[in-house]
Amino acid sequence: MEFVRNAWYVAGWSSEFYNGLISVSILDEKIVMFRNSSGKVIALEDCCPHRFLPLSMGKLIGDDIQCGYHGITYNCNGECIRIPGQKKIQKTLMVPTYSVHEQHNIVWIWMGKNSMADTSKIFDMPQLSQSGWEVNQGEAMHLNSNYLYVAENLVDPAHVSFVHPSTLGSLASEDVPVEFETEGDVIVAWRWIRNSPPIGFFKEFPGYKKNVDRWHYYYLHLPSIAVIDFGSIDSKENIKENQRHLGTQLFALHFLTPVSSDQTIDRWMHLRNVAVGDQKATAKINSMFRVTFAEDKKILEAIQKQTNDKQKQNSVHVSIDKGSIAYRRKIKELIRSETSF
């Protein structure tokens, strides 16, 4: 399978990396990662060029990796610095490296040419560093599903009425049309449900009792980052669409890391403008998210299995698929632009 390679992907939360060798798989590539003595995360191809043993099966000696087969040792730049029993070191004993950057307690890795890695292109949003927002890093959900299916699900407000009836959806939203537009490299799908009973999520948190106006805005950043802005406010407030900050507003962030053609890691987190600093609220929200995302996982893995078993490749589109269609088209364009020269 072809992937978009000239892009920053999430290799993991900062807490996942320490002074020890870790093997990760991204875009069907095996990578060995570790923190060096200065605290910087290092990433090299997880393969010794001598006999192809994974370097992650070796050991870390200071900031150098010693291969577990013959003791050949490489530094952080992938350069061979020692061959036991041999003084001359061939220049061909070189391990490819990856550009890595860390911010907001997230470790990012550039999967394309190192010369093209530009840290200014790493995903960011103001609320991650603004006061008045609670930022909570969630978990890593492993899915037996192609990342394209997962990303499509994250630009699809229509599915919540049926997949998440107890948390994010309800009967009131079933026939509400989905709006769609493209803002540069971001695909946006959204809808408002006015003057309706609060959904399960907002009955639990913060505890709405009367009818509310609620919204879902799905922002899909290429190639595989989704931001879902959803919230509610008492209907009597009658806010405009650009006044969502006046209500209970949450952002669910999904950083999709394609592992292979049929495996994806979804690292999720949430931001909120209420109950800032309230750890009990954080625990409650995360608990509800786990239920919601488990429902998505069940659907997406069933779709992947059906695709594998039936070799179904082309689905029949309906009007709610505008976001998905635009997303697939843009991914193909990115891949084509990388492979056309």
C-alpha atoms as a PDB file:
ATOM      1  CA  MET A   1       0.000   0.000   0.000  1.00  0.00           C
ATOM      2  CA  GLU A   2       1.165   3.536  -0.761  1.00  0.00           C
ATOM      3  CA  PHE A   3       1.202   6.135   1.981  1.00  0.00           C
ATOM      4  CA  VAL A   4       1.759   9.880   2.207  1.00  0.00           C
ATOM      5  CA  ARG A   5       5.372  10.005   3.375  1.00  0.00           C
ATOM      6  CA  ASN A   6       6.276  13.681   3.373  1.00  0.00           C
ATOM      7  CA  ALA A   7       4.300  14.343   6.528  1.00  0.00           C
ATOM      8  CA  TRP A   8       4.642  14.433  10.302  1.00  0.00           C
ATOM      9  CA  TYR A   9       3.064  11.479  12.109  1.00  0.00           C
ATOM     10  CA  VAL A  10       2.708  10.861  15.822  1.00  0.00           C
ATOM     11  CA  ALA A  11       5.218   8.244  16.924  1.00  0.00           C
ATOM     12  CA  GLY A  12       3.858   8.282  20.462  1.00  0.00           C
ATOM     13  CA  TRP A  13       3.179  10.311  23.564  1.00  0.00           C
ATOM     14  CA  SER A  14       6.320  11.680  25.206  1.00  0.00           C
ATOM     15  CA  SER A  15       5.729   9.333  28.132  1.00  0.00           C
ATOM     16  CA  GLU A  16       6.186   6.316  25.856  1.00  0.00           C
ATOM     17  CA  PHE A  17       9.875   6.999  25.262  1.00  0.00           C
ATOM     18  CA  TYR A  18      12.708   6.467  27.700  1.00  0.00           C
ATOM     19  CA  ASN A  19      16.392   5.536  27.771  1.00  0.00           C
ATOM     20  CA  GLY A  20      15.803   2.135  26.249  1.00  0.00           C
ATOM     21  CA  LEU A  21      15.196   0.676  22.799  1.00  0.00           C
ATOM     22  CA  ILE A  22      11.622   0.658  21.510  1.00  0.00           C
ATOM     23  CA  SER A  23      10.503  -0.869  18.220  1.00  0.00           C
ATOM     24  CA  VAL A  24       7.646   0.895  16.430  1.00  0.00           C
ATOM     25  CA  SER A  25       5.999   0.340  13.051  1.00  0.00           C
ATOM     26  CA  ILE A  26       4.827   3.287  10.956  1.00  0.00           C
ATOM     27  CA  LEU A  27       3.836   3.167   7.273  1.00  0.00           C
ATOM     28  CA  ASP A  28       5.018  -0.457   7.119  1.00  0.00           C
ATOM     29  CA  GLU A  29       8.500   0.615   8.245  1.00  0.00           C
ATOM     30  CA  LYS A  30      10.231  -0.749  11.347  1.00  0.00           C
ATOM     31  CA  ILE A  31      11.839   1.957  13.458  1.00  0.00           C
ATOM     32  CA  VAL A  32      13.903   1.772  16.645  1.00  0.00           C
ATOM     33  CA  MET A  33      13.533   4.730  19.000  1.00  0.00           C
ATOM     34  CA  PHE A  34      14.990   5.837  22.330  1.00  0.00           C
ATOM     35  CA  ARG A  35      15.864   8.888  24.399  1.00  0.00           C
ATOM     36  CA  ASN A  36      19.530   9.782  24.448  1.00  0.00           C
ATOM     37  CA  SER A  37      21.375  11.122  27.474  1.00  0.00           C
ATOM     38  CA  SER A  38      20.262  14.679  26.618  1.00  0.00           C
ATOM     39  CA  GLY A  39      16.606  13.656  26.591  1.00  0.00           C
ATOM     40  CA  LYS A  40      16.177  13.909  22.826  1.00  0.00           C
ATOM     41  CA  VAL A  41      14.212  11.162  21.097  1.00  0.00           C
ATOM     42  CA  ILE A  42      16.262   9.395  18.416  1.00  0.00           C
ATOM     43  CA  ALA A  43      14.848   7.296  15.560  1.00  0.00           C
ATOM     44  CA  LEU A  44      16.700   4.943  13.226  1.00  0.00           C
ATOM     45  CA  GLU A  45      15.660   2.191  10.858  1.00  0.00           C
ATOM     46  CA  ASP A  46      15.245  -0.921  12.979  1.00  0.00           C
ATOM     47  CA  CYS A  47      17.682  -3.004  10.953  1.00  0.00           C
ATOM     48  CA  CYS A  48      21.408  -3.670  11.104  1.00  0.00           C
ATOM     49  CA  PRO A  49      22.712  -3.513   7.499  1.00  0.00           C
ATOM     50  CA  HIS A  50      25.103  -6.400   8.215  1.00  0.00           C
ATOM     51  CA  ARG A  51      22.708  -9.345   8.610  1.00  0.00           C
ATOM     52  CA  PHE A  52      19.416  -7.425   9.020  1.00  0.00           C
ATOM     53  CA  LEU A  53      18.783  -8.240  12.669  1.00  0.00           C
ATOM     54  CA  PRO A  54      16.446  -5.641  14.206  1.00  0.00           C
ATOM     55  CA  LEU A  55      18.563  -3.176  16.173  1.00  0.00           C
ATOM     56  CA  SER A  56      15.841  -3.134  18.812  1.00  0.00           C
ATOM     57  CA  MET A  57      17.046  -6.631  19.730  1.00  0.00           C
ATOM     58  CA  GLY A  58      20.438  -5.195  20.621  1.00  0.00           C
ATOM     59  CA  LYS A  59      21.285  -2.955  23.534  1.00  0.00           C
ATOM     60  CA  LEU A  60      21.889   0.688  24.250  1.00  0.00           C
ATOM     61  CA  ILE A  61      25.422   1.570  25.311  1.00  0.00           C
ATOM     62  CA  GLY A  62      25.407   5.229  26.289  1.00  0.00           C
ATOM     63  CA  ASP A  63      23.848   6.901  23.257  1.00  0.00           C
ATOM     64  CA  ASP A  64      24.905   4.153  20.839  1.00  0.00           C
ATOM     65  CA  ILE A  65      23.104   0.998  19.708  1.00  0.00           C
ATOM     66  CA  GLN A  66      25.021  -2.265  19.717  1.00  0.00           C
ATOM     67  CA  CYS A  67      23.598  -4.911  17.395  1.00  0.00           C
ATOM     68  CA  GLY A  68      22.676  -8.090  19.242  1.00  0.00           C
ATOM     69  CA  TYR A  69      24.168 -10.373  16.591  1.00  0.00           C
ATOM     70  CA  HIS A  70      27.826  -9.371  16.149  1.00  0.00           C
ATOM     71  CA  GLY A  71      28.180  -6.293  18.342  1.00  0.00           C
ATOM     72  CA  ILE A  72      28.426  -3.812  15.481  1.00  0.00           C
ATOM     73  CA  THR A  73      27.669  -0.427  17.001  1.00  0.00           C
ATOM     74  CA  TYR A  74      25.981   2.688  15.586  1.00  0.00           C
ATOM     75  CA  ASN A  75      25.694   6.227  16.925  1.00  0.00           C
ATOM     76  CA  CYS A  76      22.627   8.495  16.946  1.00  0.00           C
ATOM     77  CA  ASN A  77      23.364   9.590  13.386  1.00  0.00           C
ATOM     78  CA  GLY A  78      23.269   6.005  12.143  1.00  0.00           C
ATOM     79  CA  GLU A  79      27.054   5.914  11.612  1.00  0.00           C
ATOM     80  CA  CYS A  80      28.923   2.728  12.392  1.00  0.00           C
ATOM     81  CA  ILE A  81      31.508   3.448  15.069  1.00  0.00           C
ATOM     82  CA  ARG A  82      32.683  -0.057  15.958  1.00  0.00           C
ATOM     83  CA  ILE A  83      33.077  -3.476  14.375  1.00  0.00           C
ATOM     84  CA  PRO A  84      34.458  -5.973  16.914  1.00  0.00           C
ATOM     85  CA  GLY A  85      37.719  -7.490  15.628  1.00  0.00           C
ATOM     86  CA  GLN A  86      37.983  -5.065  12.700  1.00  0.00           C
ATOM     87  CA  LYS A  87      39.633  -1.650  12.592  1.00  0.00           C
ATOM     88  CA  LYS A  88      38.459  -0.411   9.203  1.00  0.00           C
ATOM     89  CA  ILE A  89      34.799   0.579   9.069  1.00  0.00           C
ATOM     90  CA  GLN A  90      32.998   0.508   5.725  1.00  0.00           C
ATOM     91  CA  LYS A  91      30.988   3.621   4.896  1.00  0.00           C
ATOM     92  CA  THR A  92      28.205   1.362   3.649  1.00  0.00           C
ATOM     93  CA  LEU A  93      27.524   0.321   7.248  1.00  0.00           C
ATOM     94  CA  MET A  94      25.081   3.169   7.714  1.00  0.00           C
ATOM     95  CA  VAL A  95      21.628   3.071   9.258  1.00  0.00           C
ATOM     96  CA  PRO A  96      19.005   5.522   7.911  1.00  0.00           C
ATOM     97  CA  THR A  97      17.674   8.007  10.477  1.00  0.00           C
ATOM     98  CA  TYR A  98      14.405   9.904  10.860  1.00  0.00           C
ATOM     99  CA  SER A  99      13.723  13.497  11.845  1.00  0.00           C
ATOM    100  CA  VAL A 100      11.959  13.720  15.209  1.00  0.00           C
ATOM    101  CA  HIS A 101      10.395  16.676  17.011  1.00  0.00           C
ATOM    102  CA  GLU A 102       8.707  16.881  20.397  1.00  0.00           C
ATOM    103  CA  GLN A 103       6.085  19.406  21.464  1.00  0.00           C
ATOM    104  CA  HIS A 104       3.015  19.434  23.707  1.00  0.00           C
ATOM    105  CA  ASN A 105       4.229  16.094  25.144  1.00  0.00           C
ATOM    106  CA  ILE A 106       3.846  14.471  21.724  1.00  0.00           C
ATOM    107  CA  VAL A 107       6.677  12.891  19.734  1.00  0.00           C
ATOM    108  CA  TRP A 108       6.399  13.543  16.012  1.00  0.00           C
ATOM    109  CA  ILE A 109       8.326  11.745  13.284  1.00  0.00           C
ATOM    110  CA  TRP A 110       8.854  12.778   9.662  1.00  0.00           C
ATOM    111  CA  MET A 111       8.450   9.761   7.382  1.00  0.00           C
ATOM    112  CA  GLY A 112       9.712  11.383   4.186  1.00  0.00           C
ATOM    113  CA  LYS A 113      13.043  12.840   3.145  1.00  0.00           C
ATOM    114  CA  ASN A 114      14.834  14.396   6.111  1.00  0.00           C
ATOM    115  CA  SER A 115      15.773  17.422   4.010  1.00  0.00           C
ATOM    116  CA  MET A 116      12.082  18.259   3.665  1.00  0.00           C
ATOM    117  CA  ALA A 117      11.227  18.051   7.374  1.00  0.00           C
ATOM    118  CA  ASP A 118       9.797  21.408   8.463  1.00  0.00           C
ATOM    119  CA  THR A 119       8.724  21.610  12.103  1.00  0.00           C
ATOM    120  CA  SER A 120       6.520  24.633  11.361  1.00  0.00           C
ATOM    121  CA  LYS A 121       4.176  22.228   9.572  1.00  0.00           C
ATOM    122  CA  ILE A 122       3.522  20.139  12.671  1.00  0.00           C
ATOM    123  CA  PHE A 123      -0.118  20.233  13.741  1.00  0.00           C
ATOM    124  CA  ASP A 124      -0.909  22.719  16.490  1.00  0.00           C
ATOM    125  CA  MET A 125      -3.913  24.610  17.829  1.00  0.00           C
ATOM    126  CA  PRO A 126      -4.022  27.628  20.169  1.00  0.00           C
ATOM    127  CA  GLN A 127      -6.040  25.877  22.871  1.00  0.00           C
ATOM    128  CA  LEU A 128      -3.164  23.464  23.550  1.00  0.00           C
ATOM    129  CA  SER A 129      -1.236  26.276  25.208  1.00  0.00           C
ATOM    130  CA  GLN A 130      -3.926  28.773  26.193  1.00  0.00           C
ATOM    131  CA  SER A 131      -5.160  29.328  29.721  1.00  0.00           C
ATOM    132  CA  GLY A 132      -8.785  28.461  30.348  1.00  0.00           C
ATOM    133  CA  TRP A 133      -8.522  25.059  28.705  1.00  0.00           C
ATOM    134  CA  GLU A 134      -8.030  21.675  30.309  1.00  0.00           C
ATOM    135  CA  VAL A 135      -5.742  19.522  28.174  1.00  0.00           C
ATOM    136  CA  ASN A 136      -5.893  15.797  28.829  1.00  0.00           C
ATOM    137  CA  GLN A 137      -3.792  13.249  26.995  1.00  0.00           C
ATOM    138  CA  GLY A 138      -5.729  10.050  26.522  1.00  0.00           C
ATOM    139  CA  GLU A 139      -4.713   6.625  25.344  1.00  0.00           C
ATOM    140  CA  ALA A 140      -3.563   4.718  22.267  1.00  0.00           C
ATOM    141  CA  MET A 141      -6.264   2.625  20.640  1.00  0.00           C
ATOM    142  CA  HIS A 142      -5.044  -0.134  18.318  1.00  0.00           C
ATOM    143  CA  LEU A 143      -7.393  -0.919  15.444  1.00  0.00           C
ATOM    144  CA  ASN A 144      -7.271  -3.721  12.898  1.00  0.00           C
ATOM    145  CA  SER A 145      -8.356  -1.284  10.233  1.00  0.00           C
ATOM    146  CA  ASN A 146      -6.826   0.724   7.414  1.00  0.00           C
ATOM    147  CA  TYR A 147      -6.236   4.318   8.498  1.00  0.00           C
ATOM    148  CA  LEU A 148      -8.360   5.607   5.598  1.00  0.00           C
ATOM    149  CA  TYR A 149     -11.456   3.984   7.092  1.00  0.00           C
ATOM    150  CA  VAL A 150     -10.616   5.428  10.498  1.00  0.00           C
ATOM    151  CA  ALA A 151     -10.070   8.921   9.080  1.00  0.00           C
ATOM    152  CA  GLU A 152     -13.332   8.778   7.111  1.00  0.00           C
ATOM    153  CA  ASN A 153     -15.148   7.961  10.332  1.00  0.00           C
ATOM    154  CA  LEU A 154     -13.652  11.120  11.837  1.00  0.00           C
ATOM    155  CA  VAL A 155     -15.129  13.427   9.212  1.00  0.00           C
ATOM    156  CA  ASP A 156     -18.597  11.906   9.423  1.00  0.00           C
ATOM    157  CA  PRO A 157     -21.079  13.526  11.847  1.00  0.00           C
ATOM    158  CA  ALA A 158     -23.924  11.392  10.461  1.00  0.00           C
ATOM    159  CA  HIS A 159     -22.778   8.113  11.998  1.00  0.00           C
ATOM    160  CA  VAL A 160     -23.085   9.240  15.616  1.00  0.00           C
ATOM    161  CA  SER A 161     -26.877   8.832  15.695  1.00  0.00           C
ATOM    162  CA  PHE A 162     -26.549   5.133  14.951  1.00  0.00           C
ATOM    163  CA  VAL A 163     -23.138   4.050  16.279  1.00  0.00           C
ATOM    164  CA  HIS A 164     -23.205   6.159  19.463  1.00  0.00           C
ATOM    165  CA  PRO A 165     -26.885   6.432  20.492  1.00  0.00           C
ATOM    166  CA  SER A 166     -26.111   6.452  24.214  1.00  0.00           C
ATOM    167  CA  THR A 167     -23.227   8.945  24.151  1.00  0.00           C
ATOM    168  CA  LEU A 168     -22.988  11.313  21.169  1.00  0.00           C
ATOM    169  CA  GLY A 169     -26.136  10.729  19.121  1.00  0.00           C
ATOM    170  CA  SER A 170     -29.901  10.631  19.422  1.00  0.00           C
ATOM    171  CA  LEU A 171     -33.075  10.343  17.350  1.00  0.00           C
ATOM    172  CA  ALA A 172     -33.197  14.124  17.086  1.00  0.00           C
ATOM    173  CA  SER A 173     -30.111  14.220  14.856  1.00  0.00           C
ATOM    174  CA  GLU A 174     -30.888  11.384  12.438  1.00  0.00           C
ATOM    175  CA  ASP A 175     -32.306  13.524   9.625  1.00  0.00           C
ATOM    176  CA  VAL A 176     -30.366  16.746  10.195  1.00  0.00           C
ATOM    177  CA  PRO A 177     -28.330  17.450   7.026  1.00  0.00           C
ATOM    178  CA  VAL A 178     -24.539  17.521   7.184  1.00  0.00           C
ATOM    179  CA  GLU A 179     -22.791  20.634   5.894  1.00  0.00           C
ATOM    180  CA  PHE A 180     -19.425  20.355   4.193  1.00  0.00           C
ATOM    181  CA  GLU A 181     -16.575  22.520   2.921  1.00  0.00           C
ATOM    182  CA  THR A 182     -12.836  22.446   2.336  1.00  0.00           C
ATOM    183  CA  GLU A 183     -10.642  25.037   4.012  1.00  0.00           C
ATOM    184  CA  GLY A 184      -7.246  24.784   2.345  1.00  0.00           C
ATOM    185  CA  ASP A 185      -5.810  21.428   3.366  1.00  0.00           C
ATOM    186  CA  VAL A 186      -8.517  20.851   5.987  1.00  0.00           C
ATOM    187  CA  ILE A 187     -11.801  19.076   5.276  1.00  0.00           C
ATOM    188  CA  VAL A 188     -14.706  20.228   7.453  1.00  0.00           C
ATOM    189  CA  ALA A 189     -18.093  18.589   8.014  1.00  0.00           C
ATOM    190  CA  TRP A 190     -20.602  19.844  10.570  1.00  0.00           C
ATOM    191  CA  ARG A 191     -24.189  20.125  11.702  1.00  0.00           C
ATOM    192  CA  TRP A 192     -26.264  21.768  14.432  1.00  0.00           C
ATOM    193  CA  ILE A 193     -29.152  20.151  16.284  1.00  0.00           C
ATOM    194  CA  ARG A 194     -31.294  22.924  17.752  1.00  0.00           C
ATOM    195  CA  ASN A 195     -33.671  22.804  20.697  1.00  0.00           C
ATOM    196  CA  SER A 196     -33.476  19.080  21.418  1.00  0.00           C
ATOM    197  CA  PRO A 197     -32.881  16.959  24.531  1.00  0.00           C
ATOM    198  CA  PRO A 198     -29.217  16.706  25.576  1.00  0.00           C
ATOM    199  CA  ILE A 199     -27.366  13.616  24.403  1.00  0.00           C
ATOM    200  CA  GLY A 200     -26.019  11.088  26.884  1.00  0.00           C
ATOM    201  CA  PHE A 201     -22.572  12.675  26.985  1.00  0.00           C
ATOM    202  CA  PHE A 202     -23.883  16.069  28.086  1.00  0.00           C
ATOM    203  CA  LYS A 203     -26.451  14.581  30.445  1.00  0.00           C
ATOM    204  CA  GLU A 204     -23.470  13.082  32.258  1.00  0.00           C
ATOM    205  CA  PHE A 205     -21.213  16.088  31.797  1.00  0.00           C
ATOM    206  CA  PRO A 206     -21.861  18.787  32.772  1.00  0.00           C
ATOM    207  CA  GLY A 207     -25.433  17.631  33.459  1.00  0.00           C
ATOM    208  CA  TYR A 208     -27.867  19.473  31.169  1.00  0.00           C
ATOM    209  CA  LYS A 209     -31.512  18.803  32.054  1.00  0.00           C
ATOM    210  CA  LYS A 210     -33.422  21.032  29.597  1.00  0.00           C
ATOM    211  CA  ASN A 211     -33.315  21.237  25.821  1.00  0.00           C
ATOM    212  CA  VAL A 212     -30.036  22.369  24.294  1.00  0.00           C
ATOM    213  CA  ASP A 213     -28.546  23.508  21.031  1.00  0.00           C
ATOM    214  CA  ARG A 214     -25.656  21.207  20.174  1.00  0.00           C
ATOM    215  CA  TRP A 215     -23.098  20.939  17.437  1.00  0.00           C
ATOM    216  CA  HIS A 216     -20.547  18.642  15.813  1.00  0.00           C
ATOM    217  CA  TYR A 217     -17.696  20.117  13.762  1.00  0.00           C
ATOM    218  CA  TYR A 218     -15.297  17.568  12.252  1.00  0.00           C
ATOM    219  CA  TYR A 219     -11.960  18.911  10.995  1.00  0.00           C
ATOM    220  CA  LEU A 220      -9.774  16.437   9.114  1.00  0.00           C
ATOM    221  CA  HIS A 221      -6.174  17.578   8.635  1.00  0.00           C
ATOM    222  CA  LEU A 222      -4.198  15.714   5.973  1.00  0.00           C
ATOM    223  CA  PRO A 223      -2.989  13.096   6.063  1.00  0.00           C
ATOM    224  CA  SER A 224      -4.465  11.681   9.284  1.00  0.00           C
ATOM    225  CA  ILE A 225      -5.256  14.079  12.135  1.00  0.00           C
ATOM    226  CA  ALA A 226      -8.824  14.798  13.191  1.00  0.00           C
ATOM    227  CA  VAL A 227     -10.209  17.473  15.508  1.00  0.00           C
ATOM    228  CA  ILE A 228     -13.824  17.131  16.580  1.00  0.00           C
ATOM    229  CA  ASP A 229     -15.374  20.224  18.135  1.00  0.00           C
ATOM    230  CA  PHE A 230     -18.603  19.298  19.878  1.00  0.00           C
ATOM    231  CA  GLY A 231     -20.667  20.834  22.609  1.00  0.00           C
ATOM    232  CA  SER A 232     -23.990  22.064  23.925  1.00  0.00           C
ATOM    233  CA  ILE A 233     -25.661  25.118  25.428  1.00  0.00           C
ATOM    234  CA  ASP A 234     -29.112  25.804  26.844  1.00  0.00           C
ATOM    235  CA  SER A 235     -31.398  26.507  23.883  1.00  0.00           C
ATOM    236  CA  LYS A 236     -32.704  29.726  25.424  1.00  0.00           C
ATOM    237  CA  GLU A 237     -29.249  31.290  24.860  1.00  0.00           C
ATOM    238  CA  ASN A 238     -29.814  31.047  21.086  1.00  0.00           C
ATOM    239  CA  ILE A 239     -26.109  31.448  20.276  1.00  0.00           C
ATOM    240  CA  LYS A 240     -24.709  31.885  16.773  1.00  0.00           C
ATOM    241  CA  GLU A 241     -22.447  29.288  15.203  1.00  0.00           C
ATOM    242  CA  ASN A 242     -19.326  31.343  15.926  1.00  0.00           C
ATOM    243  CA  GLN A 243     -20.229  31.599  19.623  1.00  0.00           C
ATOM    244  CA  ARG A 244     -19.649  27.983  20.522  1.00  0.00           C
ATOM    245  CA  HIS A 245     -17.121  29.025  23.174  1.00  0.00           C
ATOM    246  CA  LEU A 246     -20.027  30.343  25.257  1.00  0.00           C
ATOM    247  CA  GLY A 247     -21.299  26.814  25.797  1.00  0.00           C
ATOM    248  CA  THR A 248     -19.746  23.597  27.023  1.00  0.00           C
ATOM    249  CA  GLN A 249     -17.149  23.072  24.313  1.00  0.00           C
ATOM    250  CA  LEU A 250     -14.911  20.036  23.945  1.00  0.00           C
ATOM    251  CA  PHE A 251     -12.323  19.122  21.371  1.00  0.00           C
ATOM    252  CA  ALA A 252     -11.572  15.466  20.784  1.00  0.00           C
ATOM    253  CA  LEU A 253      -8.222  15.091  18.995  1.00  0.00           C
ATOM    254  CA  HIS A 254      -7.310  11.949  17.091  1.00  0.00           C
ATOM    255  CA  PHE A 255      -3.755  11.402  15.862  1.00  0.00           C
ATOM    256  CA  LEU A 256      -3.858   8.457  13.467  1.00  0.00           C
ATOM    257  CA  THR A 257      -0.628   6.561  12.896  1.00  0.00           C
ATOM    258  CA  PRO A 258      -0.867   4.123   9.968  1.00  0.00           C
ATOM    259  CA  VAL A 259       1.008   0.998  11.039  1.00  0.00           C
ATOM    260  CA  SER A 260       0.339  -1.092   7.937  1.00  0.00           C
ATOM    261  CA  SER A 261      -2.342  -1.572   5.305  1.00  0.00           C
ATOM    262  CA  ASP A 262      -4.785  -2.922   7.882  1.00  0.00           C
ATOM    263  CA  GLN A 263      -3.547  -1.630  11.238  1.00  0.00           C
ATOM    264  CA  THR A 264      -3.819   1.838  12.752  1.00  0.00           C
ATOM    265  CA  ILE A 265      -3.043   3.409  16.118  1.00  0.00           C
ATOM    266  CA  ASP A 266      -5.431   6.153  17.184  1.00  0.00           C
ATOM    267  CA  ARG A 267      -3.926   8.259  19.978  1.00  0.00           C
ATOM    268  CA  TRP A 268      -6.671  10.445  21.355  1.00  0.00           C
ATOM    269  CA  MET A 269      -6.864  13.335  23.767  1.00  0.00           C
ATOM    270  CA  HIS A 270      -9.406  15.966  24.735  1.00  0.00           C
ATOM    271  CA  LEU A 271      -9.534  19.674  25.529  1.00  0.00           C
ATOM    272  CA  ARG A 272     -12.394  21.427  27.308  1.00  0.00           C
ATOM    273  CA  ASN A 273     -13.355  24.914  28.424  1.00  0.00           C
ATOM    274  CA  VAL A 274     -15.176  23.838  31.595  1.00  0.00           C
ATOM    275  CA  ALA A 275     -14.189  22.036  34.799  1.00  0.00           C
ATOM    276  CA  VAL A 276     -10.586  23.119  34.263  1.00  0.00           C
ATOM    277  CA  GLY A 277      -8.380  21.370  36.797  1.00  0.00           C
ATOM    278  CA  ASP A 278     -11.157  19.007  37.888  1.00  0.00           C
ATOM    279  CA  GLN A 279      -9.640  15.516  37.734  1.00  0.00           C
ATOM    280  CA  LYS A 280     -12.949  13.833  38.540  1.00  0.00           C
ATOM    281  CA  ALA A 281     -14.436  15.469  35.455  1.00  0.00           C
ATOM    282  CA  THR A 282     -11.444  14.310  33.414  1.00  0.00           C
ATOM    283  CA  ALA A 283     -11.920  10.728  34.571  1.00  0.00           C
ATOM    284  CA  LYS A 284     -15.651  10.825  33.760  1.00  0.00           C
ATOM    285  CA  ILE A 285     -15.086  12.263  30.278  1.00  0.00           C
ATOM    286  CA  ASN A 286     -12.333   9.768  29.476  1.00  0.00           C
ATOM    287  CA  SER A 287     -14.588   6.941  30.607  1.00  0.00           C
ATOM    288  CA  MET A 288     -17.309   8.095  28.211  1.00  0.00           C
ATOM    289  CA  PHE A 289     -14.776   8.445  25.412  1.00  0.00           C
ATOM    290  CA  ARG A 290     -13.622   4.862  25.938  1.00  0.00           C
ATOM    291  CA  VAL A 291     -17.178   3.636  25.453  1.00  0.00           C
ATOM    292  CA  THR A 292     -17.606   5.792  22.342  1.00  0.00           C
ATOM    293  CA  PHE A 293     -14.320   4.821  20.721  1.00  0.00           C
ATOM    294  CA  ALA A 294     -14.888   1.131  21.438  1.00  0.00           C
ATOM    295  CA  GLU A 295     -18.102   1.448  19.426  1.00  0.00           C
ATOM    296  CA  ASP A 296     -16.124   2.948  16.534  1.00  0.00           C
ATOM    297  CA  LYS A 297     -13.500   0.209  16.797  1.00  0.00           C
ATOM    298  CA  LYS A 298     -16.132  -2.514  16.487  1.00  0.00           C
ATOM    299  CA  ILE A 299     -17.589  -0.947  13.326  1.00  0.00           C
ATOM    300  CA  LEU A 300     -14.256  -0.168  11.659  1.00  0.00           C
ATOM    301  CA  GLU A 301     -12.738  -3.591  12.269  1.00  0.00           C
ATOM    302  CA  ALA A 302     -15.875  -5.252  10.894  1.00  0.00           C
ATOM    303  CA  ILE A 303     -15.607  -3.113   7.742  1.00  0.00           C
ATOM    304  CA  GLN A 304     -11.948  -4.066   7.327  1.00  0.00           C
ATOM    305  CA  LYS A 305     -12.728  -7.769   7.740  1.00  0.00           C
ATOM    306  CA  GLN A 306     -15.562  -7.561   5.232  1.00  0.00           C
ATOM    307  CA  THR A 307     -13.270  -5.794   2.773  1.00  0.00           C
ATOM    308  CA  ASN A 308     -10.604  -8.474   3.206  1.00  0.00           C
ATOM    309  CA  ASP A 309     -13.060 -11.372   2.942  1.00  0.00           C
ATOM    310  CA  LYS A 310     -15.149 -10.077   0.063  1.00  0.00           C
ATOM    311  CA  GLN A 311     -12.460  -8.087  -1.700  1.00  0.00           C
ATOM    312  CA  LYS A 312     -14.887  -5.179  -1.843  1.00  0.00           C
ATOM    313  CA  GLN A 313     -13.096  -2.029  -2.920  1.00  0.00           C
ATOM    314  CA  ASN A 314     -15.685   0.414  -4.271  1.00  0.00           C
ATOM    315  CA  SER A 315     -18.581   1.423  -2.046  1.00  0.00           C
ATOM    316  CA  VAL A 316     -21.746   3.199  -3.202  1.00  0.00           C
ATOM    317  CA  HIS A 317     -21.719   6.851  -2.145  1.00  0.00           C
ATOM    318  CA  VAL A 318     -24.575   8.952  -0.746  1.00  0.00           C
ATOM    319  CA  SER A 319     -24.812  12.662   0.057  1.00  0.00           C
ATOM    320  CA  ILE A 320     -23.264  12.373   3.528  1.00  0.00           C
ATOM    321  CA  ASP A 321     -20.034  11.075   1.956  1.00  0.00           C
ATOM    322  CA  LYS A 322     -18.804  14.432   0.624  1.00  0.00           C
ATOM    323  CA  GLY A 323     -16.129  14.693   3.290  1.00  0.00           C
ATOM    324  CA  SER A 324     -14.933  11.154   2.708  1.00  0.00           C
ATOM    325  CA  ILE A 325     -14.824  11.601  -1.071  1.00  0.00           C
ATOM    326  CA  ALA A 326     -12.817  14.824  -0.763  1.00  0.00           C
ATOM    327  CA  TYR A 327     -10.450  13.177   1.708  1.00  0.00           C
ATOM    328  CA  ARG A 328      -9.716  10.168  -0.505  1.00  0.00           C
ATOM    329  CA  ARG A 329      -9.167  12.433  -3.495  1.00  0.00           C
ATOM    330  CA  LYS A 330      -6.703  14.643  -1.610  1.00  0.00           C
ATOM    331  CA  ILE A 331      -4.769  11.654  -0.263  1.00  0.00           C
ATOM    332  CA  LYS A 332      -4.400  10.300  -3.804  1.00  0.00           C
ATOM    333  CA  GLU A 333      -3.202  13.708  -4.975  1.00  0.00           C
ATOM    334  CA  LEU A 334      -0.573  13.871  -2.227  1.00  0.00           C
ATOM    335  CA  ILE A 335       0.706  10.379  -3.006  1.00  0.00           C
ATOM    336  CA  ARG A 336       0.765  11.126  -6.719  1.00  0.00           C
ATOM    337  CA  SER A 337       2.731  14.342  -6.131  1.00  0.00           C
ATOM    338  CA  GLU A 338       5.358  12.398  -4.152  1.00  0.00           C
ATOM    339  CA  THR A 339       5.759   9.634  -6.718  1.00  0.00           C
ATOM    340  CA  SER A 340       5.571  11.675  -9.939  1.00  0.00           C
ATOM    341  CA  PHE A 341       9.199  12.829  -9.930  1.00  0.00           C
END
